[in-house]
C-alpha atoms as a PDB file:
ATOM      1  CA  UNK A   1      94.842  93.790 -69.845  1.00  0.00           C
ATOM      2  CA  UNK A   2      91.806  92.377 -67.778  1.00  0.00           C
ATOM      3  CA  UNK A   3      89.689  94.496 -65.268  1.00  0.00           C
ATOM      4  CA  UNK A   4      88.130  92.755 -62.441  1.00  0.00           C
ATOM      5  CA  UNK A   5      84.420  92.974 -61.570  1.00  0.00           C
ATOM      6  CA  UNK A   6      83.639  94.388 -58.616  1.00  0.00           C
ATOM      7  CA  UNK A   7      80.411  92.806 -56.438  1.00  0.00           C
ATOM      8  CA  UNK A   8      78.859  95.724 -54.097  1.00  0.00           C
ATOM      9  CA  UNK A   9      76.632  93.218 -52.501  1.00  0.00           C
ATOM     10  CA  UNK A  10      75.638  89.901 -52.878  1.00  0.00           C
ATOM     11  CA  UNK A  11      71.904  89.340 -51.885  1.00  0.00           C
ATOM     12  CA  UNK A  12      71.980  85.702 -51.489  1.00  0.00           C
ATOM     13  CA  UNK A  13      67.804  85.103 -51.123  1.00  0.00           C
ATOM     14  CA  UNK A  14      67.221  86.561 -54.202  1.00  0.00           C
ATOM     15  CA  UNK A  15      71.226  85.191 -55.945  1.00  0.00           C
ATOM     16  CA  UNK A  16      71.716  88.449 -57.353  1.00  0.00           C
ATOM     17  CA  UNK A  17      74.847  90.476 -57.824  1.00  0.00           C
ATOM     18  CA  UNK A  18      75.095  93.992 -58.179  1.00  0.00           C
ATOM     19  CA  UNK A  19      78.114  94.724 -59.794  1.00  0.00           C
ATOM     20  CA  UNK A  20      79.911  97.685 -61.660  1.00  0.00           C
ATOM     21  CA  UNK A  21      81.572  96.464 -65.195  1.00  0.00           C
ATOM     22  CA  UNK A  22      83.248  98.258 -67.684  1.00  0.00           C
ATOM     23  CA  UNK A  23      82.671  96.803 -71.026  1.00  0.00           C
ATOM     24  CA  UNK A  24      86.010  98.050 -72.374  1.00  0.00           C
ATOM     25  CA  UNK A  25      87.666  96.672 -69.353  1.00  0.00           C
ATOM     26  CA  UNK A  26      87.876  92.654 -70.790  1.00  0.00           C
ATOM     27  CA  UNK A  27      86.627  89.547 -68.346  1.00  0.00           C
ATOM     28  CA  UNK A  28      83.718  88.338 -68.746  1.00  0.00           C
ATOM     29  CA  UNK A  29      80.150  90.385 -69.492  1.00  0.00           C
ATOM     30  CA  UNK A  30      77.700  90.302 -66.591  1.00  0.00           C
ATOM     31  CA  UNK A  31      75.363  87.297 -66.794  1.00  0.00           C
ATOM     32  CA  UNK A  32      71.413  88.132 -67.576  1.00  0.00           C
ATOM     33  CA  UNK A  33      70.492  87.450 -64.027  1.00  0.00           C
ATOM     34  CA  UNK A  34      73.025  90.330 -62.786  1.00  0.00           C
ATOM     35  CA  UNK A  35      71.818  94.151 -61.412  1.00  0.00           C
ATOM     36  CA  UNK A  36      74.407  96.016 -63.324  1.00  0.00           C
ATOM     37  CA  UNK A  37      75.824  99.503 -62.843  1.00  0.00           C
ATOM     38  CA  UNK A  38      78.682 100.619 -65.693  1.00  0.00           C
ATOM     39  CA  UNK A  39      79.867 104.217 -66.808  1.00  0.00           C
ATOM     40  CA  UNK A  40      78.325 104.565 -70.430  1.00  0.00           C
ATOM     41  CA  UNK A  41      80.538 107.300 -70.963  1.00  0.00           C
ATOM     42  CA  UNK A  42      78.771 110.296 -70.050  1.00  0.00           C
ATOM     43  CA  UNK A  43      80.054 110.336 -66.300  1.00  0.00           C
ATOM     44  CA  UNK A  44      76.590 108.779 -65.435  1.00  0.00           C
ATOM     45  CA  UNK A  45      76.210 105.173 -64.016  1.00  0.00           C
ATOM     46  CA  UNK A  46      74.060 103.155 -66.060  1.00  0.00           C
ATOM     47  CA  UNK A  47      71.761 100.484 -64.709  1.00  0.00           C
ATOM     48  CA  UNK A  48      71.440  97.492 -66.812  1.00  0.00           C
ATOM     49  CA  UNK A  49      67.616  99.005 -67.043  1.00  0.00           C
ATOM     50  CA  UNK A  50      68.703 102.257 -68.578  1.00  0.00           C
ATOM     51  CA  UNK A  51      67.543 104.151 -65.500  1.00  0.00           C
ATOM     52  CA  UNK A  52      70.531 106.723 -65.098  1.00  0.00           C
ATOM     53  CA  UNK A  53      71.593 107.286 -61.036  1.00  0.00           C
ATOM     54  CA  UNK A  54      72.831 110.385 -59.876  1.00  0.00           C
ATOM     55  CA  UNK A  55      76.433 111.177 -59.489  1.00  0.00           C
ATOM     56  CA  UNK A  56      77.289 112.760 -56.401  1.00  0.00           C
ATOM     57  CA  UNK A  57      80.210 114.391 -55.992  1.00  0.00           C
ATOM     58  CA  UNK A  58      82.177 117.669 -54.106  1.00  0.00           C
ATOM     59  CA  UNK A  59      83.498 121.043 -54.753  1.00  0.00           C
ATOM     60  CA  UNK A  60      86.355 121.670 -52.630  1.00  0.00           C
ATOM     61  CA  UNK A  61      88.361 125.242 -52.127  1.00  0.00           C
ATOM     62  CA  UNK A  62      91.259 125.093 -50.202  1.00  0.00           C
ATOM     63  CA  UNK A  63      91.770 128.679 -48.730  1.00  0.00           C
ATOM     64  CA  UNK A  64      95.268 129.314 -47.205  1.00  0.00           C
ATOM     65  CA  UNK A  65      97.182 132.052 -46.103  1.00  0.00           C
ATOM     66  CA  UNK A  66     100.564 132.285 -46.797  1.00  0.00           C
ATOM     67  CA  UNK A  67     102.142 131.679 -42.570  1.00  0.00           C
ATOM     68  CA  UNK A  68      99.259 134.058 -41.644  1.00  0.00           C
ATOM     69  CA  UNK A  69      95.511 134.076 -41.634  1.00  0.00           C
ATOM     70  CA  UNK A  70      93.648 134.244 -44.643  1.00  0.00           C
ATOM     71  CA  UNK A  71      92.556 138.080 -45.975  1.00  0.00           C
ATOM     72  CA  UNK A  72      89.049 138.624 -45.914  1.00  0.00           C
ATOM     73  CA  UNK A  73      87.388 139.383 -48.958  1.00  0.00           C
ATOM     74  CA  UNK A  74      86.582 137.688 -52.240  1.00  0.00           C
ATOM     75  CA  UNK A  75      88.965 134.359 -52.810  1.00  0.00           C
ATOM     76  CA  UNK A  76      87.848 133.080 -56.152  1.00  0.00           C
ATOM     77  CA  UNK A  77      85.632 132.230 -58.691  1.00  0.00           C
ATOM     78  CA  UNK A  78      84.349 129.103 -60.180  1.00  0.00           C
ATOM     79  CA  UNK A  79      82.472 128.474 -63.080  1.00  0.00           C
ATOM     80  CA  UNK A  80      79.698 125.122 -62.181  1.00  0.00           C
ATOM     81  CA  UNK A  81      80.367 122.988 -65.031  1.00  0.00           C
ATOM     82  CA  UNK A  82      77.027 121.019 -64.817  1.00  0.00           C
ATOM     83  CA  UNK A  83      73.555 120.985 -62.995  1.00  0.00           C
ATOM     84  CA  UNK A  84      73.427 120.335 -59.735  1.00  0.00           C
ATOM     85  CA  UNK A  85      71.888 120.268 -56.402  1.00  0.00           C
ATOM     86  CA  UNK A  86      74.128 121.381 -53.109  1.00  0.00           C
ATOM     87  CA  UNK A  87      73.329 118.625 -50.216  1.00  0.00           C
ATOM     88  CA  UNK A  88      75.734 119.804 -47.663  1.00  0.00           C
ATOM     89  CA  UNK A  89      79.171 121.243 -46.683  1.00  0.00           C
ATOM     90  CA  UNK A  90      82.096 120.508 -44.704  1.00  0.00           C
ATOM     91  CA  UNK A  91      84.713 122.912 -43.725  1.00  0.00           C
ATOM     92  CA  UNK A  92      88.279 121.703 -42.029  1.00  0.00           C
ATOM     93  CA  UNK A  93      91.034 123.905 -41.090  1.00  0.00           C
ATOM     94  CA  UNK A  94      94.932 122.875 -40.054  1.00  0.00           C
ATOM     95  CA  UNK A  95      94.398 123.922 -36.620  1.00  0.00           C
ATOM     96  CA  UNK A  96      91.838 125.280 -34.274  1.00  0.00           C
ATOM     97  CA  UNK A  97      89.996 128.791 -35.518  1.00  0.00           C
ATOM     98  CA  UNK A  98      87.409 130.797 -37.137  1.00  0.00           C
ATOM     99  CA  UNK A  99      85.994 131.491 -40.780  1.00  0.00           C
ATOM    100  CA  UNK A 100      83.129 132.715 -41.824  1.00  0.00           C
ATOM    101  CA  UNK A 101      82.443 132.121 -45.891  1.00  0.00           C
ATOM    102  CA  UNK A 102      79.806 133.477 -47.683  1.00  0.00           C
ATOM    103  CA  UNK A 103      79.430 131.827 -51.615  1.00  0.00           C
ATOM    104  CA  UNK A 104      77.937 134.253 -54.463  1.00  0.00           C
ATOM    105  CA  UNK A 105      76.361 132.883 -57.815  1.00  0.00           C
ATOM    106  CA  UNK A 106      75.347 134.511 -60.673  1.00  0.00           C
ATOM    107  CA  UNK A 107      75.028 133.861 -64.187  1.00  0.00           C
ATOM    108  CA  UNK A 108      77.756 134.500 -66.534  1.00  0.00           C
ATOM    109  CA  UNK A 109      76.011 137.824 -68.215  1.00  0.00           C
ATOM    110  CA  UNK A 110      75.587 139.222 -65.169  1.00  0.00           C
ATOM    111  CA  UNK A 111      79.028 138.471 -63.724  1.00  0.00           C
ATOM    112  CA  UNK A 112      80.358 139.467 -61.635  1.00  0.00           C
ATOM    113  CA  UNK A 113      78.201 138.083 -58.172  1.00  0.00           C
ATOM    114  CA  UNK A 114      78.200 139.970 -55.068  1.00  0.00           C
ATOM    115  CA  UNK A 115      76.611 139.740 -51.705  1.00  0.00           C
ATOM    116  CA  UNK A 116      73.288 140.432 -52.899  1.00  0.00           C
ATOM    117  CA  UNK A 117      73.848 137.601 -54.985  1.00  0.00           C
ATOM    118  CA  UNK A 118      74.424 134.736 -52.024  1.00  0.00           C
ATOM    119  CA  UNK A 119      73.637 131.232 -51.838  1.00  0.00           C
ATOM    120  CA  UNK A 120      74.062 130.850 -47.947  1.00  0.00           C
ATOM    121  CA  UNK A 121      71.253 132.787 -46.579  1.00  0.00           C
ATOM    122  CA  UNK A 122      72.112 133.425 -43.021  1.00  0.00           C
ATOM    123  CA  UNK A 123      73.781 129.835 -42.488  1.00  0.00           C
ATOM    124  CA  UNK A 124      77.235 130.440 -43.789  1.00  0.00           C
ATOM    125  CA  UNK A 125      80.022 127.976 -43.978  1.00  0.00           C
ATOM    126  CA  UNK A 126      81.364 129.214 -40.602  1.00  0.00           C
ATOM    127  CA  UNK A 127      84.470 127.496 -37.914  1.00  0.00           C
ATOM    128  CA  UNK A 128      84.410 129.085 -34.605  1.00  0.00           C
ATOM    129  CA  UNK A 129      87.242 127.964 -32.112  1.00  0.00           C
ATOM    130  CA  UNK A 130      87.591 124.633 -33.752  1.00  0.00           C
ATOM    131  CA  UNK A 131      88.762 122.586 -36.625  1.00  0.00           C
ATOM    132  CA  UNK A 132      86.040 121.265 -37.831  1.00  0.00           C
ATOM    133  CA  UNK A 133      82.414 121.532 -38.803  1.00  0.00           C
ATOM    134  CA  UNK A 134      79.690 120.623 -41.573  1.00  0.00           C
ATOM    135  CA  UNK A 135      76.096 120.700 -42.190  1.00  0.00           C
ATOM    136  CA  UNK A 136      73.439 119.307 -44.253  1.00  0.00           C
ATOM    137  CA  UNK A 137      70.887 121.717 -42.976  1.00  0.00           C
ATOM    138  CA  UNK A 138      71.089 124.399 -45.928  1.00  0.00           C
ATOM    139  CA  UNK A 139      68.474 126.413 -44.567  1.00  0.00           C
ATOM    140  CA  UNK A 140      67.627 129.460 -46.460  1.00  0.00           C
ATOM    141  CA  UNK A 141      70.315 128.248 -49.064  1.00  0.00           C
ATOM    142  CA  UNK A 142      69.663 128.368 -52.868  1.00  0.00           C
ATOM    143  CA  UNK A 143      71.013 124.944 -53.272  1.00  0.00           C
ATOM    144  CA  UNK A 144      69.746 124.429 -57.283  1.00  0.00           C
ATOM    145  CA  UNK A 145      72.872 125.582 -59.649  1.00  0.00           C
ATOM    146  CA  UNK A 146      72.654 125.625 -63.421  1.00  0.00           C
ATOM    147  CA  UNK A 147      75.913 124.865 -65.664  1.00  0.00           C
ATOM    148  CA  UNK A 148      77.595 127.963 -66.379  1.00  0.00           C
ATOM    149  CA  UNK A 149      76.697 129.748 -63.582  1.00  0.00           C
ATOM    150  CA  UNK A 150      79.926 131.497 -61.558  1.00  0.00           C
ATOM    151  CA  UNK A 151      80.252 130.649 -57.701  1.00  0.00           C
ATOM    152  CA  UNK A 152      82.386 133.642 -55.939  1.00  0.00           C
ATOM    153  CA  UNK A 153      83.963 132.656 -52.334  1.00  0.00           C
ATOM    154  CA  UNK A 154      84.086 135.396 -49.823  1.00  0.00           C
ATOM    155  CA  UNK A 155      85.842 135.407 -46.981  1.00  0.00           C
ATOM    156  CA  UNK A 156      83.969 137.199 -44.317  1.00  0.00           C
ATOM    157  CA  UNK A 157      85.936 136.604 -41.738  1.00  0.00           C
ATOM    158  CA  UNK A 158      88.908 134.083 -40.446  1.00  0.00           C
ATOM    159  CA  UNK A 159      91.132 134.059 -37.118  1.00  0.00           C
ATOM    160  CA  UNK A 160      94.055 131.951 -35.739  1.00  0.00           C
ATOM    161  CA  UNK A 161      94.207 129.279 -38.220  1.00  0.00           C
ATOM    162  CA  UNK A 162      96.191 129.413 -41.692  1.00  0.00           C
ATOM    163  CA  UNK A 163      94.665 127.119 -43.712  1.00  0.00           C
ATOM    164  CA  UNK A 164      90.656 125.732 -44.689  1.00  0.00           C
ATOM    165  CA  UNK A 165      89.128 123.876 -46.502  1.00  0.00           C
ATOM    166  CA  UNK A 166      85.655 123.973 -47.767  1.00  0.00           C
ATOM    167  CA  UNK A 167      83.666 120.771 -49.507  1.00  0.00           C
ATOM    168  CA  UNK A 168      80.418 121.471 -51.408  1.00  0.00           C
ATOM    169  CA  UNK A 169      78.650 118.383 -51.328  1.00  0.00           C
ATOM    170  CA  UNK A 170      76.328 117.672 -54.544  1.00  0.00           C
ATOM    171  CA  UNK A 171      74.381 115.637 -57.040  1.00  0.00           C
ATOM    172  CA  UNK A 172      74.826 116.003 -60.159  1.00  0.00           C
ATOM    173  CA  UNK A 173      71.397 116.835 -62.124  1.00  0.00           C
END
């Protein structure tokens, strides 16, 4: 099966194409004048110059009460799979409601994390009588997270809605 090459952008003035190329996918290889982005197998995107580009993604938590408001307290723990920098958060709910979420982080050796290990400072992901909120202003946050640290999600308070989704945006380092 031949996979297509995806043209991201074409600079007509310089006649350069920016393409994603899968070397195992068949099809003609890029020409020397192309600027090529491809997956090198390590999960990072590589430019033909060999420079590694940052990989961005999200960590998502779906917090759901069974037809009721989620309970206050520890919701879950998650092992951080690689080094990353948190760049923002988005919080949505199934209907207008309120919730305050705290995030605690510890090393594997010092597990479990406690409120003393909060990473959110005073700027916790919060909804107040609405169904969405987002922020890239992470004042007071510990934004640099290391591989194999453990993140704990704690619900400080919740009201009205019964399903919330917290997405943490990150750049892998």
